[in-house]
């Protein structure tokens, strides 16, 4: 499985648009669901959900969640 393409969506949190940080979605053109158990095992996911499949990681105060066709990252700094 090779991820060939994605589109990026950056937006302010809907709960409070005045926040200093933004969120990001990477919409994947391929379904990576089959790779999620391996990502969890090798990278040591914070939380793994089997149905629907997703794995969440904590890194530098951010949550990164990988779904079958989307990656979500919260609390990105705006420069």
PDB file of N, CA and C in Angstrom:
ATOM      1  N   UNK A   1       0.850  -1.174   0.000  1.00  0.00           N
ATOM      2  CA  UNK A   1       0.000   0.000   0.000  1.00  0.00           C
ATOM      3  C   UNK A   1       0.895   1.237   0.000  1.00  0.00           C
ATOM      4  N   UNK A   2       0.638   2.102  -0.930  1.00  0.00           N
ATOM      5  CA  UNK A   2       1.403   3.330  -1.046  1.00  0.00           C
ATOM      6  C   UNK A   2       0.429   4.495  -1.125  1.00  0.00           C
ATOM      7  N   UNK A   3       0.593   5.442  -0.245  1.00  0.00           N
ATOM      8  CA  UNK A   3      -0.256   6.632  -0.270  1.00  0.00           C
ATOM      9  C   UNK A   3       0.240   7.541  -1.376  1.00  0.00           C
ATOM     10  N   UNK A   4      -0.593   7.760  -2.371  1.00  0.00           N
ATOM     11  CA  UNK A   4      -0.177   8.510  -3.542  1.00  0.00           C
ATOM     12  C   UNK A   4      -0.545   9.991  -3.487  1.00  0.00           C
ATOM     13  N   UNK A   5      -1.657  10.326  -2.823  1.00  0.00           N
ATOM     14  CA  UNK A   5      -2.098  11.715  -2.837  1.00  0.00           C
ATOM     15  C   UNK A   5      -2.994  12.015  -1.641  1.00  0.00           C
ATOM     16  N   UNK A   6      -3.037  13.276  -1.254  1.00  0.00           N
ATOM     17  CA  UNK A   6      -3.925  13.743  -0.197  1.00  0.00           C
ATOM     18  C   UNK A   6      -4.234  15.221  -0.446  1.00  0.00           C
ATOM     19  N   UNK A   7      -5.288  15.705   0.200  1.00  0.00           N
ATOM     20  CA  UNK A   7      -5.599  17.137   0.187  1.00  0.00           C
ATOM     21  C   UNK A   7      -5.622  17.612   1.627  1.00  0.00           C
ATOM     22  N   UNK A   8      -5.208  18.840   1.825  1.00  0.00           N
ATOM     23  CA  UNK A   8      -5.064  19.408   3.166  1.00  0.00           C
ATOM     24  C   UNK A   8      -6.171  20.437   3.409  1.00  0.00           C
ATOM     25  N   UNK A   9      -6.749  20.383   4.599  1.00  0.00           N
ATOM     26  CA  UNK A   9      -7.779  21.340   5.014  1.00  0.00           C
ATOM     27  C   UNK A   9      -7.366  21.905   6.376  1.00  0.00           C
ATOM     28  N   UNK A  10      -7.155  23.209   6.449  1.00  0.00           N
ATOM     29  CA  UNK A  10      -6.772  23.863   7.703  1.00  0.00           C
ATOM     30  C   UNK A  10      -7.912  24.792   8.104  1.00  0.00           C
ATOM     31  N   UNK A  11      -8.307  24.725   9.378  1.00  0.00           N
ATOM     32  CA  UNK A  11      -9.462  25.509   9.822  1.00  0.00           C
ATOM     33  C   UNK A  11      -9.342  25.835  11.308  1.00  0.00           C
ATOM     34  N   UNK A  12     -10.059  26.854  11.724  1.00  0.00           N
ATOM     35  CA  UNK A  12     -10.122  27.222  13.141  1.00  0.00           C
ATOM     36  C   UNK A  12     -11.161  26.345  13.833  1.00  0.00           C
ATOM     37  N   UNK A  13     -10.990  26.079  15.131  1.00  0.00           N
ATOM     38  CA  UNK A  13     -11.957  25.260  15.863  1.00  0.00           C
ATOM     39  C   UNK A  13     -13.348  25.900  15.842  1.00  0.00           C
ATOM     40  N   UNK A  14     -14.363  25.098  15.574  1.00  0.00           N
ATOM     41  CA  UNK A  14     -15.726  25.623  15.531  1.00  0.00           C
ATOM     42  C   UNK A  14     -16.211  26.070  16.902  1.00  0.00           C
ATOM     43  N   UNK A  15     -15.716  25.447  17.971  1.00  0.00           N
ATOM     44  CA  UNK A  15     -16.191  25.780  19.311  1.00  0.00           C
ATOM     45  C   UNK A  15     -15.776  27.192  19.727  1.00  0.00           C
ATOM     46  N   UNK A  16     -14.628  27.670  19.228  1.00  0.00           N
ATOM     47  CA  UNK A  16     -14.180  29.022  19.542  1.00  0.00           C
ATOM     48  C   UNK A  16     -13.249  29.501  18.421  1.00  0.00           C
ATOM     49  N   UNK A  17     -13.806  30.175  17.419  1.00  0.00           N
ATOM     50  CA  UNK A  17     -12.993  30.596  16.271  1.00  0.00           C
ATOM     51  C   UNK A  17     -11.890  31.600  16.614  1.00  0.00           C
ATOM     52  N   UNK A  18     -11.913  32.169  17.812  1.00  0.00           N
ATOM     53  CA  UNK A  18     -10.882  33.141  18.175  1.00  0.00           C
ATOM     54  C   UNK A  18      -9.628  32.475  18.763  1.00  0.00           C
ATOM     55  N   UNK A  19      -9.609  31.158  18.874  1.00  0.00           N
ATOM     56  CA  UNK A  19      -8.417  30.467  19.370  1.00  0.00           C
ATOM     57  C   UNK A  19      -7.211  30.793  18.505  1.00  0.00           C
ATOM     58  N   UNK A  20      -6.043  30.791  19.111  1.00  0.00           N
ATOM     59  CA  UNK A  20      -4.790  31.077  18.405  1.00  0.00           C
ATOM     60  C   UNK A  20      -4.329  29.908  17.535  1.00  0.00           C
ATOM     61  N   UNK A  21      -4.795  28.702  17.832  1.00  0.00           N
ATOM     62  CA  UNK A  21      -4.351  27.522  17.091  1.00  0.00           C
ATOM     63  C   UNK A  21      -5.366  27.139  16.021  1.00  0.00           C
ATOM     64  N   UNK A  22      -4.943  26.267  15.104  1.00  0.00           N
ATOM     65  CA  UNK A  22      -5.817  25.756  14.056  1.00  0.00           C
ATOM     66  C   UNK A  22      -5.760  24.232  14.062  1.00  0.00           C
ATOM     67  N   UNK A  23      -6.703  23.622  13.378  1.00  0.00           N
ATOM     68  CA  UNK A  23      -6.733  22.177  13.198  1.00  0.00           C
ATOM     69  C   UNK A  23      -6.447  21.868  11.737  1.00  0.00           C
ATOM     70  N   UNK A  24      -6.060  20.629  11.481  1.00  0.00           N
ATOM     71  CA  UNK A  24      -5.751  20.235  10.108  1.00  0.00           C
ATOM     72  C   UNK A  24      -6.324  18.844   9.837  1.00  0.00           C
ATOM     73  N   UNK A  25      -6.964  18.685   8.682  1.00  0.00           N
ATOM     74  CA  UNK A  25      -7.361  17.386   8.166  1.00  0.00           C
ATOM     75  C   UNK A  25      -6.553  17.130   6.913  1.00  0.00           C
ATOM     76  N   UNK A  26      -5.999  15.943   6.802  1.00  0.00           N
ATOM     77  CA  UNK A  26      -5.412  15.479   5.546  1.00  0.00           C
ATOM     78  C   UNK A  26      -6.374  14.425   5.010  1.00  0.00           C
ATOM     79  N   UNK A  27      -7.053  14.736   3.922  1.00  0.00           N
ATOM     80  CA  UNK A  27      -8.002  13.810   3.297  1.00  0.00           C
ATOM     81  C   UNK A  27      -7.213  12.921   2.336  1.00  0.00           C
ATOM     82  N   UNK A  28      -7.217  11.625   2.604  1.00  0.00           N
ATOM     83  CA  UNK A  28      -6.400  10.671   1.849  1.00  0.00           C
ATOM     84  C   UNK A  28      -7.169  10.126   0.652  1.00  0.00           C
ATOM     85  N   UNK A  29      -6.496   9.988  -0.471  1.00  0.00           N
ATOM     86  CA  UNK A  29      -7.118   9.424  -1.669  1.00  0.00           C
ATOM     87  C   UNK A  29      -7.195   7.904  -1.623  1.00  0.00           C
ATOM     88  N   UNK A  30      -6.394   7.274  -0.769  1.00  0.00           N
ATOM     89  CA  UNK A  30      -6.418   5.824  -0.614  1.00  0.00           C
ATOM     90  C   UNK A  30      -6.855   5.486   0.810  1.00  0.00           C
ATOM     91  N   UNK A  31      -7.451   4.322   0.967  1.00  0.00           N
ATOM     92  CA  UNK A  31      -7.864   3.848   2.289  1.00  0.00           C
ATOM     93  C   UNK A  31      -6.678   3.143   2.948  1.00  0.00           C
ATOM     94  N   UNK A  32      -6.251   3.644   4.104  1.00  0.00           N
ATOM     95  CA  UNK A  32      -5.095   3.080   4.811  1.00  0.00           C
ATOM     96  C   UNK A  32      -5.515   2.262   6.036  1.00  0.00           C
ATOM     97  N   UNK A  33      -6.785   1.874   6.113  1.00  0.00           N
ATOM     98  CA  UNK A  33      -7.296   1.138   7.275  1.00  0.00           C
ATOM     99  C   UNK A  33      -6.486  -0.117   7.588  1.00  0.00           C
ATOM    100  N   UNK A  34      -6.048  -0.827   6.561  1.00  0.00           N
ATOM    101  CA  UNK A  34      -5.304  -2.072   6.782  1.00  0.00           C
ATOM    102  C   UNK A  34      -3.961  -1.830   7.471  1.00  0.00           C
ATOM    103  N   UNK A  35      -3.402  -0.639   7.348  1.00  0.00           N
ATOM    104  CA  UNK A  35      -2.099  -0.329   7.951  1.00  0.00           C
ATOM    105  C   UNK A  35      -2.213   0.156   9.398  1.00  0.00           C
ATOM    106  N   UNK A  36      -3.415   0.491   9.858  1.00  0.00           N
ATOM    107  CA  UNK A  36      -3.561   1.083  11.192  1.00  0.00           C
ATOM    108  C   UNK A  36      -3.106   0.170  12.332  1.00  0.00           C
ATOM    109  N   UNK A  37      -3.395  -1.136  12.323  1.00  0.00           N
ATOM    110  CA  UNK A  37      -2.867  -1.984  13.407  1.00  0.00           C
ATOM    111  C   UNK A  37      -1.340  -1.980  13.460  1.00  0.00           C
ATOM    112  N   UNK A  38      -0.690  -1.911  12.306  1.00  0.00           N
ATOM    113  CA  UNK A  38       0.776  -1.884  12.258  1.00  0.00           C
ATOM    114  C   UNK A  38       1.314  -0.550  12.791  1.00  0.00           C
ATOM    115  N   UNK A  39       0.657   0.547  12.411  1.00  0.00           N
ATOM    116  CA  UNK A  39       1.060   1.856  12.953  1.00  0.00           C
ATOM    117  C   UNK A  39       0.953   1.853  14.471  1.00  0.00           C
ATOM    118  N   UNK A  40      -0.141   1.300  14.977  1.00  0.00           N
ATOM    119  CA  UNK A  40      -0.339   1.243  16.420  1.00  0.00           C
ATOM    120  C   UNK A  40       0.749   0.413  17.094  1.00  0.00           C
ATOM    121  N   UNK A  41       1.063  -0.749  16.525  1.00  0.00           N
ATOM    122  CA  UNK A  41       2.058  -1.641  17.132  1.00  0.00           C
ATOM    123  C   UNK A  41       3.463  -1.060  17.057  1.00  0.00           C
ATOM    124  N   UNK A  42       3.845  -0.505  15.931  1.00  0.00           N
ATOM    125  CA  UNK A  42       5.213  -0.034  15.733  1.00  0.00           C
ATOM    126  C   UNK A  42       5.441   1.327  16.387  1.00  0.00           C
ATOM    127  N   UNK A  43       4.474   2.239  16.265  1.00  0.00           N
ATOM    128  CA  UNK A  43       4.654   3.598  16.783  1.00  0.00           C
ATOM    129  C   UNK A  43       4.093   3.790  18.188  1.00  0.00           C
ATOM    130  N   UNK A  44       3.430   2.770  18.731  1.00  0.00           N
ATOM    131  CA  UNK A  44       2.917   2.860  20.099  1.00  0.00           C
ATOM    132  C   UNK A  44       1.803   3.865  20.239  1.00  0.00           C
ATOM    133  N   UNK A  45       0.683   3.600  19.599  1.00  0.00           N
ATOM    134  CA  UNK A  45      -0.457   4.515  19.643  1.00  0.00           C
ATOM    135  C   UNK A  45      -0.977   4.731  21.049  1.00  0.00           C
ATOM    136  N   UNK A  46      -1.536   5.902  21.277  1.00  0.00           N
ATOM    137  CA  UNK A  46      -2.141   6.253  22.564  1.00  0.00           C
ATOM    138  C   UNK A  46      -3.481   5.541  22.710  1.00  0.00           C
ATOM    139  N   UNK A  47      -4.247   5.466  21.603  1.00  0.00           N
ATOM    140  CA  UNK A  47      -5.544   4.795  21.617  1.00  0.00           C
ATOM    141  C   UNK A  47      -5.782   4.161  20.249  1.00  0.00           C
ATOM    142  N   UNK A  48      -6.220   2.906  20.257  1.00  0.00           N
ATOM    143  CA  UNK A  48      -6.535   2.211  19.016  1.00  0.00           C
ATOM    144  C   UNK A  48      -7.984   1.761  19.077  1.00  0.00           C
ATOM    145  N   UNK A  49      -8.747   2.070  18.056  1.00  0.00           N
ATOM    146  CA  UNK A  49     -10.154   1.673  17.970  1.00  0.00           C
ATOM    147  C   UNK A  49     -10.289   0.758  16.760  1.00  0.00           C
ATOM    148  N   UNK A  50     -10.925  -0.403  16.966  1.00  0.00           N
ATOM    149  CA  UNK A  50     -11.015  -1.383  15.886  1.00  0.00           C
ATOM    150  C   UNK A  50     -12.165  -1.115  14.915  1.00  0.00           C
ATOM    151  N   UNK A  51     -13.302  -0.573  15.400  1.00  0.00           N
ATOM    152  CA  UNK A  51     -14.443  -0.404  14.514  1.00  0.00           C
ATOM    153  C   UNK A  51     -15.159   0.904  14.802  1.00  0.00           C
ATOM    154  N   UNK A  52     -15.112   1.869  13.937  1.00  0.00           N
ATOM    155  CA  UNK A  52     -14.312   1.938  12.719  1.00  0.00           C
ATOM    156  C   UNK A  52     -12.844   2.134  13.082  1.00  0.00           C
ATOM    157  N   UNK A  53     -11.941   1.626  12.264  1.00  0.00           N
ATOM    158  CA  UNK A  53     -10.519   1.642  12.629  1.00  0.00           C
ATOM    159  C   UNK A  53      -9.918   3.047  12.671  1.00  0.00           C
ATOM    160  N   UNK A  54      -9.217   3.311  13.776  1.00  0.00           N
ATOM    161  CA  UNK A  54      -8.464   4.564  13.913  1.00  0.00           C
ATOM    162  C   UNK A  54      -7.412   4.364  14.988  1.00  0.00           C
ATOM    163  N   UNK A  55      -6.349   5.133  14.905  1.00  0.00           N
ATOM    164  CA  UNK A  55      -5.302   5.110  15.922  1.00  0.00           C
ATOM    165  C   UNK A  55      -4.929   6.556  16.225  1.00  0.00           C
ATOM    166  N   UNK A  56      -4.790   6.854  17.516  1.00  0.00           N
ATOM    167  CA  UNK A  56      -4.460   8.205  17.958  1.00  0.00           C
ATOM    168  C   UNK A  56      -3.096   8.196  18.625  1.00  0.00           C
ATOM    169  N   UNK A  57      -2.312   9.208  18.302  1.00  0.00           N
ATOM    170  CA  UNK A  57      -0.983   9.391  18.891  1.00  0.00           C
ATOM    171  C   UNK A  57      -0.948  10.732  19.605  1.00  0.00           C
ATOM    172  N   UNK A  58      -0.128  10.816  20.639  1.00  0.00           N
ATOM    173  CA  UNK A  58       0.174  12.091  21.301  1.00  0.00           C
ATOM    174  C   UNK A  58       1.602  12.458  20.941  1.00  0.00           C
ATOM    175  N   UNK A  59       1.774  13.693  20.461  1.00  0.00           N
ATOM    176  CA  UNK A  59       3.118  14.144  20.099  1.00  0.00           C
ATOM    177  C   UNK A  59       3.210  15.643  20.318  1.00  0.00           C
ATOM    178  N   UNK A  60       4.111  16.075  21.159  1.00  0.00           N
ATOM    179  CA  UNK A  60       4.390  17.489  21.414  1.00  0.00           C
ATOM    180  C   UNK A  60       3.120  18.270  21.770  1.00  0.00           C
ATOM    181  N   UNK A  61       2.277  17.680  22.618  1.00  0.00           N
ATOM    182  CA  UNK A  61       1.071  18.344  23.078  1.00  0.00           C
ATOM    183  C   UNK A  61      -0.069  18.342  22.076  1.00  0.00           C
ATOM    184  N   UNK A  62       0.062  17.580  21.015  1.00  0.00           N
ATOM    185  CA  UNK A  62      -0.969  17.510  19.988  1.00  0.00           C
ATOM    186  C   UNK A  62      -1.516  16.093  19.907  1.00  0.00           C
ATOM    187  N   UNK A  63      -2.745  15.985  19.431  1.00  0.00           N
ATOM    188  CA  UNK A  63      -3.322  14.684  19.147  1.00  0.00           C
ATOM    189  C   UNK A  63      -3.337  14.496  17.634  1.00  0.00           C
ATOM    190  N   UNK A  64      -2.852  13.363  17.188  1.00  0.00           N
ATOM    191  CA  UNK A  64      -2.842  13.024  15.771  1.00  0.00           C
ATOM    192  C   UNK A  64      -3.632  11.727  15.632  1.00  0.00           C
ATOM    193  N   UNK A  65      -4.756  11.791  14.930  1.00  0.00           N
ATOM    194  CA  UNK A  65      -5.602  10.623  14.747  1.00  0.00           C
ATOM    195  C   UNK A  65      -5.610  10.233  13.280  1.00  0.00           C
ATOM    196  N   UNK A  66      -5.295   8.973  13.035  1.00  0.00           N
ATOM    197  CA  UNK A  66      -5.276   8.450  11.672  1.00  0.00           C
ATOM    198  C   UNK A  66      -6.499   7.547  11.503  1.00  0.00           C
ATOM    199  N   UNK A  67      -7.362   7.925  10.570  1.00  0.00           N
ATOM    200  CA  UNK A  67      -8.536   7.140  10.189  1.00  0.00           C
ATOM    201  C   UNK A  67      -8.228   6.486   8.847  1.00  0.00           C
ATOM    202  N   UNK A  68      -9.145   5.716   8.334  1.00  0.00           N
ATOM    203  CA  UNK A  68      -8.936   5.038   7.065  1.00  0.00           C
ATOM    204  C   UNK A  68      -8.644   5.978   5.910  1.00  0.00           C
ATOM    205  N   UNK A  69      -9.363   7.104   5.848  1.00  0.00           N
ATOM    206  CA  UNK A  69      -9.191   8.028   4.720  1.00  0.00           C
ATOM    207  C   UNK A  69      -8.925   9.457   5.172  1.00  0.00           C
ATOM    208  N   UNK A  70      -8.537   9.638   6.453  1.00  0.00           N
ATOM    209  CA  UNK A  70      -8.309  10.997   6.955  1.00  0.00           C
ATOM    210  C   UNK A  70      -7.325  10.956   8.115  1.00  0.00           C
ATOM    211  N   UNK A  71      -6.481  11.990   8.196  1.00  0.00           N
ATOM    212  CA  UNK A  71      -5.597  12.208   9.340  1.00  0.00           C
ATOM    213  C   UNK A  71      -5.981  13.543   9.942  1.00  0.00           C
ATOM    214  N   UNK A  72      -6.217  13.578  11.242  1.00  0.00           N
ATOM    215  CA  UNK A  72      -6.620  14.804  11.939  1.00  0.00           C
ATOM    216  C   UNK A  72      -5.540  15.196  12.940  1.00  0.00           C
ATOM    217  N   UNK A  73      -5.169  16.471  12.944  1.00  0.00           N
ATOM    218  CA  UNK A  73      -4.178  17.007  13.878  1.00  0.00           C
ATOM    219  C   UNK A  73      -4.772  18.245  14.527  1.00  0.00           C
ATOM    220  N   UNK A  74      -4.671  18.333  15.854  1.00  0.00           N
ATOM    221  CA  UNK A  74      -5.239  19.490  16.540  1.00  0.00           C
ATOM    222  C   UNK A  74      -4.143  20.429  17.045  1.00  0.00           C
ATOM    223  N   UNK A  75      -4.540  21.625  17.406  1.00  0.00           N
ATOM    224  CA  UNK A  75      -3.701  22.598  18.112  1.00  0.00           C
ATOM    225  C   UNK A  75      -2.409  22.944  17.389  1.00  0.00           C
ATOM    226  N   UNK A  76      -2.489  23.230  16.108  1.00  0.00           N
ATOM    227  CA  UNK A  76      -1.307  23.678  15.368  1.00  0.00           C
ATOM    228  C   UNK A  76      -1.116  25.170  15.556  1.00  0.00           C
ATOM    229  N   UNK A  77       0.107  25.592  15.684  1.00  0.00           N
ATOM    230  CA  UNK A  77       0.420  27.004  15.909  1.00  0.00           C
ATOM    231  C   UNK A  77       0.345  27.780  14.593  1.00  0.00           C
ATOM    232  N   UNK A  78      -0.273  28.942  14.656  1.00  0.00           N
ATOM    233  CA  UNK A  78      -0.370  29.816  13.495  1.00  0.00           C
ATOM    234  C   UNK A  78       0.779  30.819  13.553  1.00  0.00           C
ATOM    235  N   UNK A  79       1.524  30.927  12.477  1.00  0.00           N
ATOM    236  CA  UNK A  79       2.630  31.878  12.432  1.00  0.00           C
ATOM    237  C   UNK A  79       2.226  33.100  11.659  1.00  0.00           C
TER     238      UNK A  79
END
